[in-house]
Amino acid sequence: MNRKILSSLLFVIVAGLFLVPRIAAQFTTASLSGTVADQSGAYIPDAKVTVLNLDTGFTQTVSTGGAGDYLFSRLPVGRYKLTVEKEGLQTYIQSGIQLTVNQAATQNVQLQVAKVVGQVTVLADIPLVTTSEATLGQLVDEKRILDLPLN
């Protein structure tokens, strides 16, 4: 009787050892990938892609590859905000991306050309050119007239 209990116990232990790696191998992460292109469809390399977990504050940043692709291979599950930035293009922000266990989500992004906002200030006087007439003229002030030599 003692031998039967011992062999049964040994069987349970050995079976448990085979199951432990399978239980530990289950993933509690997800992945997010996609491509970044402009409005003409051209891929944008070296764009900065950032994800922010809205529940925990976890942040990760990658750069797009030569084909405009990005990959976050192991993100903890949760709600995320995706931000894509590239100089000369408008920043793309999308909130509410929900990632679940073992999900492979794809989010392609299209960036728009940024509107250039600037101001040019000219601090020097420049001569104006009149292109509608072929005549030459000059304004002479009173001091120049008085300085003219007289016969």
Protein backbone atom coordinates (compact mmCIF):
# COMPACT_ATOMS: atom_id res chain seq x y z
CA MET A 1 0.00 0.00 0.00
CA ASN A 2 2.77 2.36 0.88
CA ARG A 3 4.45 1.64 -2.42
CA LYS A 4 1.26 2.50 -4.39
CA ILE A 5 0.94 5.86 -2.64
CA LEU A 6 4.60 6.62 -3.21
CA SER A 7 4.40 5.78 -6.93
CA SER A 8 1.20 7.84 -7.31
CA LEU A 9 2.83 10.76 -5.57
CA LEU A 10 5.90 10.43 -7.77
CA PHE A 11 3.67 10.37 -10.87
CA VAL A 12 1.90 13.58 -9.78
CA ILE A 13 5.21 15.33 -9.14
CA VAL A 14 6.69 14.32 -12.50
CA ALA A 15 3.50 15.29 -14.35
CA GLY A 16 3.50 18.62 -12.52
CA LEU A 17 7.09 19.30 -13.58
CA PHE A 18 6.10 18.85 -17.24
CA LEU A 19 3.15 21.24 -16.91
CA VAL A 20 5.01 24.06 -15.12
CA PRO A 21 6.99 25.22 -18.20
CA ARG A 22 3.79 25.36 -20.26
CA ILE A 23 2.02 27.48 -17.70
CA ALA A 24 5.04 29.80 -17.35
CA ALA A 25 5.32 30.11 -21.14
CA GLN A 26 1.92 31.78 -21.51
CA PHE A 27 2.27 35.39 -22.62
CA THR A 28 0.78 38.35 -20.81
CA THR A 29 1.91 40.78 -23.49
CA ALA A 30 0.75 41.99 -26.88
CA SER A 31 2.45 43.47 -29.92
CA LEU A 32 1.73 46.59 -31.94
CA SER A 33 3.11 47.19 -35.41
CA GLY A 34 2.41 49.22 -38.52
CA THR A 35 3.80 51.51 -41.18
CA VAL A 36 4.17 55.28 -41.32
CA ALA A 37 3.61 57.01 -44.67
CA ASP A 38 2.85 60.50 -45.95
CA GLN A 39 -0.33 61.51 -47.77
CA SER A 40 1.13 60.40 -51.14
CA GLY A 41 1.80 56.90 -49.77
CA ALA A 42 5.60 57.28 -49.54
CA TYR A 43 7.05 55.53 -46.48
CA ILE A 44 8.67 57.72 -43.84
CA PRO A 45 11.91 56.38 -42.32
CA ASP A 46 13.29 57.54 -38.95
CA ALA A 47 9.97 58.77 -37.59
CA LYS A 48 9.74 58.68 -33.78
CA VAL A 49 6.93 56.34 -32.66
CA THR A 50 5.97 56.34 -28.97
CA VAL A 51 3.40 54.33 -27.02
CA LEU A 52 2.16 55.34 -23.58
CA ASN A 53 0.17 52.96 -21.38
CA LEU A 54 -2.65 55.17 -20.08
CA ASP A 55 -3.17 52.99 -16.98
CA THR A 56 0.43 52.56 -15.77
CA GLY A 57 2.41 55.35 -17.46
CA PHE A 58 4.73 52.83 -19.16
CA THR A 59 6.36 54.42 -22.24
CA GLN A 60 8.38 52.92 -25.08
CA THR A 61 9.81 54.61 -28.18
CA VAL A 62 11.12 53.20 -31.46
CA SER A 63 12.13 54.68 -34.82
CA THR A 64 10.65 53.57 -38.11
CA GLY A 65 12.83 51.57 -40.48
CA GLY A 66 13.66 52.32 -44.10
CA ALA A 67 10.25 51.04 -45.22
CA GLY A 68 8.44 53.18 -42.62
CA ASP A 69 7.72 50.15 -40.43
CA TYR A 70 7.70 49.98 -36.63
CA LEU A 71 7.22 47.18 -34.11
CA PHE A 72 6.59 47.04 -30.37
CA SER A 73 7.00 43.30 -29.84
CA ARG A 74 6.23 42.95 -26.13
CA LEU A 75 3.87 45.51 -24.63
CA PRO A 76 2.03 44.85 -21.37
CA VAL A 77 -1.71 44.58 -21.99
CA GLY A 78 -3.75 47.73 -21.44
CA ARG A 79 -4.96 50.98 -23.02
CA TYR A 80 -2.39 52.89 -25.05
CA LYS A 81 -1.83 56.26 -26.70
CA LEU A 82 0.22 56.19 -29.93
CA THR A 83 2.25 59.24 -30.98
CA VAL A 84 4.18 59.54 -34.26
CA GLU A 85 6.50 62.51 -34.88
CA LYS A 86 8.68 63.53 -37.80
CA GLU A 87 10.17 66.97 -38.47
CA GLY A 88 8.25 68.81 -41.19
CA LEU A 89 5.12 66.69 -40.70
CA GLN A 90 2.18 67.07 -38.34
CA THR A 91 2.32 64.96 -35.18
CA TYR A 92 -0.13 62.03 -35.17
CA ILE A 93 -1.77 61.13 -31.85
CA GLN A 94 -4.27 58.32 -31.29
CA SER A 95 -5.64 57.37 -27.88
CA GLY A 96 -7.77 54.43 -26.80
CA ILE A 97 -5.82 51.59 -28.40
CA GLN A 98 -6.79 48.53 -26.33
CA LEU A 99 -4.26 45.68 -26.36
CA THR A 100 -5.27 42.28 -24.97
CA VAL A 101 -3.28 39.16 -24.09
CA ASN A 102 -1.30 37.72 -27.00
CA GLN A 103 -2.84 40.19 -29.48
CA ALA A 104 -0.87 41.24 -32.57
CA ALA A 105 -2.40 44.63 -33.41
CA THR A 106 -1.61 46.72 -36.48
CA GLN A 107 -1.98 50.49 -36.72
CA ASN A 108 -0.89 52.15 -39.96
CA VAL A 109 -0.33 55.91 -39.78
CA GLN A 110 -0.58 58.60 -42.44
CA LEU A 111 1.19 61.87 -41.63
CA GLN A 112 0.20 65.20 -43.19
CA VAL A 113 2.61 67.94 -44.20
CA ALA A 114 2.85 70.53 -41.45
CA LYS A 115 1.79 74.07 -42.19
CA VAL A 116 4.80 76.35 -41.98
CA VAL A 117 4.18 79.14 -39.54
CA GLY A 118 6.83 81.79 -39.51
CA GLN A 119 7.58 85.45 -39.86
CA VAL A 120 10.22 87.19 -41.92
CA THR A 121 11.44 90.57 -40.66
CA VAL A 122 13.57 92.74 -42.95
CA LEU A 123 15.71 95.24 -41.09
CA ALA A 124 17.50 96.92 -44.03
CA ASP A 125 16.16 99.29 -46.68
CA ILE A 126 16.36 97.85 -50.15
CA PRO A 127 15.78 99.67 -53.43
CA LEU A 128 12.45 98.92 -55.05
CA VAL A 129 12.39 97.77 -58.65
CA THR A 130 9.58 98.78 -61.00
CA THR A 131 9.12 96.14 -63.64
CA SER A 132 6.18 97.75 -65.46
CA GLU A 133 8.19 100.65 -66.98
CA ALA A 134 11.58 100.84 -68.67
CA THR A 135 12.43 104.28 -67.31
CA LEU A 136 14.96 105.22 -64.71
CA GLY A 137 14.26 107.78 -62.06
CA GLN A 138 15.64 109.06 -58.80
CA LEU A 139 14.31 111.22 -56.05
CA VAL A 140 16.47 114.26 -55.27
CA ASP A 141 16.04 115.92 -51.90
CA GLU A 142 16.59 119.59 -51.00
CA LYS A 143 20.08 119.08 -49.54
CA ARG A 144 21.37 117.61 -52.80
CA ILE A 145 19.93 120.49 -54.78
CA LEU A 146 21.66 123.02 -52.53
CA ASP A 147 24.95 121.12 -52.84
CA LEU A 148 24.89 121.25 -56.65
CA PRO A 149 27.69 123.43 -58.10
CA LEU A 150 26.50 126.67 -59.73
CA ASN A 151 28.16 128.48 -62.69
